[in-house]
Amino acid sequence: CVYCATPLERETATLDHVYPRAHGGTDAPGNLVASCVRCNRLKGDLLPQEFFLRFPWAGLNFMRYARAVHRALKRNARRAVSLACAA
């Protein structure tokens, strides 16, 4: 779970809208994260800053997760560009 860092199983994973649809959030991939049912219910329609103020541990885990994903995406993008330029 991006918020509590609990390992997710297919049966327990949910998709959470970081910016809730109730506040104009979309179904775009950048607005969807994997979370457990408990955290998804805790967050509900709260905006990220409201949720992280109430549950600071969730914000810390979210930042760790986001950083790791960002690094992995950058690495893969560099590889793709290198392969495209070499062709």
C-alpha atoms as a PDB file:
ATOM      1  CA  CYS A   1       0.000   0.000   0.000  1.00  0.00           C
ATOM      2  CA  VAL A   2       1.388   3.388  -0.974  1.00  0.00           C
ATOM      3  CA  TYR A   3       0.115   4.851   2.296  1.00  0.00           C
ATOM      4  CA  CYS A   4       0.838   2.237   5.004  1.00  0.00           C
ATOM      5  CA  ALA A   5       3.486   0.172   3.163  1.00  0.00           C
ATOM      6  CA  THR A   6       1.600  -3.086   3.747  1.00  0.00           C
ATOM      7  CA  PRO A   7       2.319  -5.620   0.996  1.00  0.00           C
ATOM      8  CA  LEU A   8      -0.753  -5.999  -1.190  1.00  0.00           C
ATOM      9  CA  GLU A   9      -2.292  -9.136  -2.580  1.00  0.00           C
ATOM     10  CA  ARG A  10      -4.461  -9.027  -5.657  1.00  0.00           C
ATOM     11  CA  GLU A  11      -7.514  -9.662  -3.466  1.00  0.00           C
ATOM     12  CA  THR A  12      -6.751  -6.812  -1.036  1.00  0.00           C
ATOM     13  CA  ALA A  13      -5.495  -4.118  -3.408  1.00  0.00           C
ATOM     14  CA  THR A  14      -7.647  -1.157  -4.369  1.00  0.00           C
ATOM     15  CA  LEU A  15      -7.024   1.820  -6.617  1.00  0.00           C
ATOM     16  CA  ASP A  16      -7.129   5.164  -4.858  1.00  0.00           C
ATOM     17  CA  HIS A  17      -7.500   8.527  -6.555  1.00  0.00           C
ATOM     18  CA  VAL A  18      -4.800  10.751  -5.029  1.00  0.00           C
ATOM     19  CA  TYR A  19      -6.945  13.756  -5.918  1.00  0.00           C
ATOM     20  CA  PRO A  20     -10.452  12.403  -5.338  1.00  0.00           C
ATOM     21  CA  ARG A  21     -12.977  12.490  -8.143  1.00  0.00           C
ATOM     22  CA  ALA A  22     -15.226  14.428  -5.740  1.00  0.00           C
ATOM     23  CA  HIS A  23     -12.656  17.245  -5.972  1.00  0.00           C
ATOM     24  CA  GLY A  24     -12.125  17.055  -9.741  1.00  0.00           C
ATOM     25  CA  GLY A  25      -9.559  14.239  -9.801  1.00  0.00           C
ATOM     26  CA  THR A  26      -9.435  12.087 -12.913  1.00  0.00           C
ATOM     27  CA  ASP A  27      -8.832   8.434 -13.727  1.00  0.00           C
ATOM     28  CA  ALA A  28      -5.470   9.354 -15.298  1.00  0.00           C
ATOM     29  CA  PRO A  29      -2.661   6.918 -14.401  1.00  0.00           C
ATOM     30  CA  GLY A  30      -0.739   9.630 -12.537  1.00  0.00           C
ATOM     31  CA  ASN A  31      -3.690  10.120 -10.172  1.00  0.00           C
ATOM     32  CA  LEU A  32      -4.167   6.430  -9.326  1.00  0.00           C
ATOM     33  CA  VAL A  33      -2.182   4.539  -6.698  1.00  0.00           C
ATOM     34  CA  ALA A  34      -2.420   1.075  -5.173  1.00  0.00           C
ATOM     35  CA  SER A  35      -3.680   1.103  -1.608  1.00  0.00           C
ATOM     36  CA  CYS A  36      -5.167  -1.296   0.892  1.00  0.00           C
ATOM     37  CA  VAL A  37      -8.871  -1.186   1.650  1.00  0.00           C
ATOM     38  CA  ARG A  38      -8.230   0.293   5.124  1.00  0.00           C
ATOM     39  CA  CYS A  39      -6.192   3.253   3.842  1.00  0.00           C
ATOM     40  CA  ASN A  40      -8.542   3.847   0.910  1.00  0.00           C
ATOM     41  CA  ARG A  41     -11.434   4.107   3.374  1.00  0.00           C
ATOM     42  CA  LEU A  42      -9.419   6.315   5.757  1.00  0.00           C
ATOM     43  CA  LYS A  43      -8.609   8.705   2.938  1.00  0.00           C
ATOM     44  CA  GLY A  44     -12.082   8.718   1.428  1.00  0.00           C
ATOM     45  CA  ASP A  45     -12.646  12.054  -0.335  1.00  0.00           C
ATOM     46  CA  LEU A  46      -9.886  13.895   1.537  1.00  0.00           C
ATOM     47  CA  LEU A  47      -7.421  15.881  -0.524  1.00  0.00           C
ATOM     48  CA  PRO A  48      -3.844  14.604  -0.191  1.00  0.00           C
ATOM     49  CA  GLN A  49      -2.756  17.456   2.068  1.00  0.00           C
ATOM     50  CA  GLU A  50      -5.753  16.882   4.390  1.00  0.00           C
ATOM     51  CA  PHE A  51      -5.079  13.150   4.556  1.00  0.00           C
ATOM     52  CA  PHE A  52      -1.353  13.598   5.211  1.00  0.00           C
ATOM     53  CA  LEU A  53      -2.028  16.189   7.943  1.00  0.00           C
ATOM     54  CA  ARG A  54      -4.325  13.743   9.730  1.00  0.00           C
ATOM     55  CA  PHE A  55      -2.099  10.715   9.111  1.00  0.00           C
ATOM     56  CA  PRO A  56       1.553  11.852   8.795  1.00  0.00           C
ATOM     57  CA  TRP A  57       2.793   8.252   8.470  1.00  0.00           C
ATOM     58  CA  ALA A  58       0.802   7.983   5.230  1.00  0.00           C
ATOM     59  CA  GLY A  59       2.525  11.059   3.809  1.00  0.00           C
ATOM     60  CA  LEU A  60       5.972   9.712   4.675  1.00  0.00           C
ATOM     61  CA  ASN A  61       5.263   6.375   2.994  1.00  0.00           C
ATOM     62  CA  PHE A  62       3.718   8.111  -0.014  1.00  0.00           C
ATOM     63  CA  MET A  63       6.850  10.241  -0.504  1.00  0.00           C
ATOM     64  CA  ARG A  64       9.109   7.171  -0.269  1.00  0.00           C
ATOM     65  CA  TYR A  65       6.977   5.302  -2.769  1.00  0.00           C
ATOM     66  CA  ALA A  66       6.726   8.249  -5.160  1.00  0.00           C
ATOM     67  CA  ARG A  67      10.492   8.763  -5.091  1.00  0.00           C
ATOM     68  CA  ALA A  68      11.169   5.098  -5.865  1.00  0.00           C
ATOM     69  CA  VAL A  69       8.678   5.051  -8.738  1.00  0.00           C
ATOM     70  CA  HIS A  70      10.058   8.311 -10.145  1.00  0.00           C
ATOM     71  CA  ARG A  71      13.621   6.931 -10.145  1.00  0.00           C
ATOM     72  CA  ALA A  72      12.525   3.713 -11.859  1.00  0.00           C
ATOM     73  CA  LEU A  73      10.595   5.621 -14.522  1.00  0.00           C
ATOM     74  CA  LYS A  74      13.580   7.879 -15.222  1.00  0.00           C
ATOM     75  CA  ARG A  75      15.898   4.860 -15.574  1.00  0.00           C
ATOM     76  CA  ASN A  76      13.537   3.144 -17.989  1.00  0.00           C
ATOM     77  CA  ALA A  77      13.018   6.336 -19.994  1.00  0.00           C
ATOM     78  CA  ARG A  78      16.792   6.811 -20.347  1.00  0.00           C
ATOM     79  CA  ARG A  79      17.162   3.215 -21.568  1.00  0.00           C
ATOM     80  CA  ALA A  80      14.351   3.663 -24.083  1.00  0.00           C
ATOM     81  CA  VAL A  81      15.869   6.887 -25.436  1.00  0.00           C
ATOM     82  CA  SER A  82      19.330   5.280 -25.659  1.00  0.00           C
ATOM     83  CA  LEU A  83      17.936   2.298 -27.568  1.00  0.00           C
ATOM     84  CA  ALA A  84      15.915   4.542 -29.888  1.00  0.00           C
ATOM     85  CA  CYS A  85      18.957   6.708 -30.658  1.00  0.00           C
ATOM     86  CA  ALA A  86      21.171   3.682 -31.269  1.00  0.00           C
ATOM     87  CA  ALA A  87      18.764   2.272 -33.858  1.00  0.00           C
END
